[in-house]
C-alpha atoms as a PDB file:
ATOM      1  CA  MET A   1       4.076  12.411  -1.387  1.00  0.00           C
ATOM      2  CA  ALA A   2       4.093   8.623  -1.072  1.00  0.00           C
ATOM      3  CA  TYR A   3       1.078   6.578  -0.086  1.00  0.00           C
ATOM      4  CA  VAL A   4       0.987   5.009   3.379  1.00  0.00           C
ATOM      5  CA  ILE A   5      -0.841   2.054   4.900  1.00  0.00           C
ATOM      6  CA  SER A   6      -2.625   2.574   8.219  1.00  0.00           C
ATOM      7  CA  ASP A   7      -3.350   0.152  11.056  1.00  0.00           C
ATOM      8  CA  ALA A   8      -6.649  -0.651   9.330  1.00  0.00           C
ATOM      9  CA  CYS A   9      -4.662  -3.004   7.061  1.00  0.00           C
ATOM     10  CA  VAL A  10      -5.838  -6.621   7.355  1.00  0.00           C
ATOM     11  CA  SER A  11      -2.899  -8.030   5.347  1.00  0.00           C
ATOM     12  CA  CYS A  12      -5.098  -9.331   2.530  1.00  0.00           C
ATOM     13  CA  GLY A  13      -2.407  -8.627  -0.076  1.00  0.00           C
ATOM     14  CA  SER A  14      -4.725  -6.996  -2.620  1.00  0.00           C
ATOM     15  CA  CYS A  15      -2.503  -3.942  -2.909  1.00  0.00           C
ATOM     16  CA  GLU A  16       0.821  -5.712  -3.464  1.00  0.00           C
ATOM     17  CA  GLY A  17      -0.047  -7.038  -6.914  1.00  0.00           C
ATOM     18  CA  GLN A  18      -1.458  -3.696  -8.071  1.00  0.00           C
ATOM     19  CA  CYS A  19       1.737  -1.686  -7.516  1.00  0.00           C
ATOM     20  CA  PRO A  20       3.490  -1.144 -10.883  1.00  0.00           C
ATOM     21  CA  VAL A  21       6.857  -0.479  -9.208  1.00  0.00           C
ATOM     22  CA  SER A  22       6.732  -3.189  -6.510  1.00  0.00           C
ATOM     23  CA  ALA A  23       6.865  -0.658  -3.657  1.00  0.00           C
ATOM     24  CA  ILE A  24       4.560  -2.733  -1.426  1.00  0.00           C
ATOM     25  CA  SER A  25       5.691  -5.687   0.655  1.00  0.00           C
ATOM     26  CA  ALA A  26       4.488  -7.680   3.642  1.00  0.00           C
ATOM     27  CA  GLY A  27       5.716  -6.276   6.928  1.00  0.00           C
ATOM     28  CA  ASP A  28       5.660  -7.872  10.362  1.00  0.00           C
ATOM     29  CA  SER A  29       2.037  -7.059  11.152  1.00  0.00           C
ATOM     30  CA  GLN A  30       0.726  -5.429   7.952  1.00  0.00           C
ATOM     31  CA  TYR A  31       1.766  -4.459   4.447  1.00  0.00           C
ATOM     32  CA  GLU A  32       4.193  -1.550   3.997  1.00  0.00           C
ATOM     33  CA  ILE A  33       4.938   0.908   1.197  1.00  0.00           C
ATOM     34  CA  ASP A  34       8.536   1.913   0.440  1.00  0.00           C
ATOM     35  CA  ALA A  35       8.238   5.703   0.175  1.00  0.00           C
ATOM     36  CA  SER A  36      11.390   6.013  -1.935  1.00  0.00           C
ATOM     37  CA  THR A  37       9.972   3.625  -4.559  1.00  0.00           C
ATOM     38  CA  CYS A  38       6.312   4.764  -4.551  1.00  0.00           C
ATOM     39  CA  ILE A  39       5.354   6.822  -7.623  1.00  0.00           C
ATOM     40  CA  ASP A  40       2.095   8.160  -6.147  1.00  0.00           C
ATOM     41  CA  CYS A  41      -0.129   6.498  -8.734  1.00  0.00           C
ATOM     42  CA  GLY A  42      -2.829   5.437  -6.262  1.00  0.00           C
ATOM     43  CA  SER A  43      -3.396   1.988  -7.777  1.00  0.00           C
ATOM     44  CA  CYS A  44      -3.065   0.392  -4.354  1.00  0.00           C
ATOM     45  CA  ALA A  45      -5.589   2.675  -2.681  1.00  0.00           C
ATOM     46  CA  GLY A  46      -8.209   1.807  -5.264  1.00  0.00           C
ATOM     47  CA  VAL A  47      -8.160  -1.903  -4.441  1.00  0.00           C
ATOM     48  CA  CYS A  48      -7.841  -1.771  -0.641  1.00  0.00           C
ATOM     49  CA  PRO A  49     -11.031  -3.282   0.831  1.00  0.00           C
ATOM     50  CA  THR A  50     -10.599  -1.521   4.195  1.00  0.00           C
ATOM     51  CA  GLY A  51      -9.534   1.916   2.944  1.00  0.00           C
ATOM     52  CA  ALA A  52      -6.243   1.583   4.814  1.00  0.00           C
ATOM     53  CA  ILE A  53      -4.171   3.264   2.088  1.00  0.00           C
ATOM     54  CA  SER A  54      -3.965   7.030   1.690  1.00  0.00           C
ATOM     55  CA  GLN A  55      -1.500   9.698   0.641  1.00  0.00           C
ATOM     56  CA  GLY A  56       0.952  10.427   3.443  1.00  0.00           C
END
């Protein structure tokens, strides 16, 4: 199951650079994870300062 980013995202960008498959990109109001690209590694969740990333 892919990771998801909640409304707690503050668009800091910390997660984008940590994704080994480039599944994270800036959305209109917060960052988004492409579920079809996500490999469920959790690298993004480990660096999120607000805890906005979790398994969907």
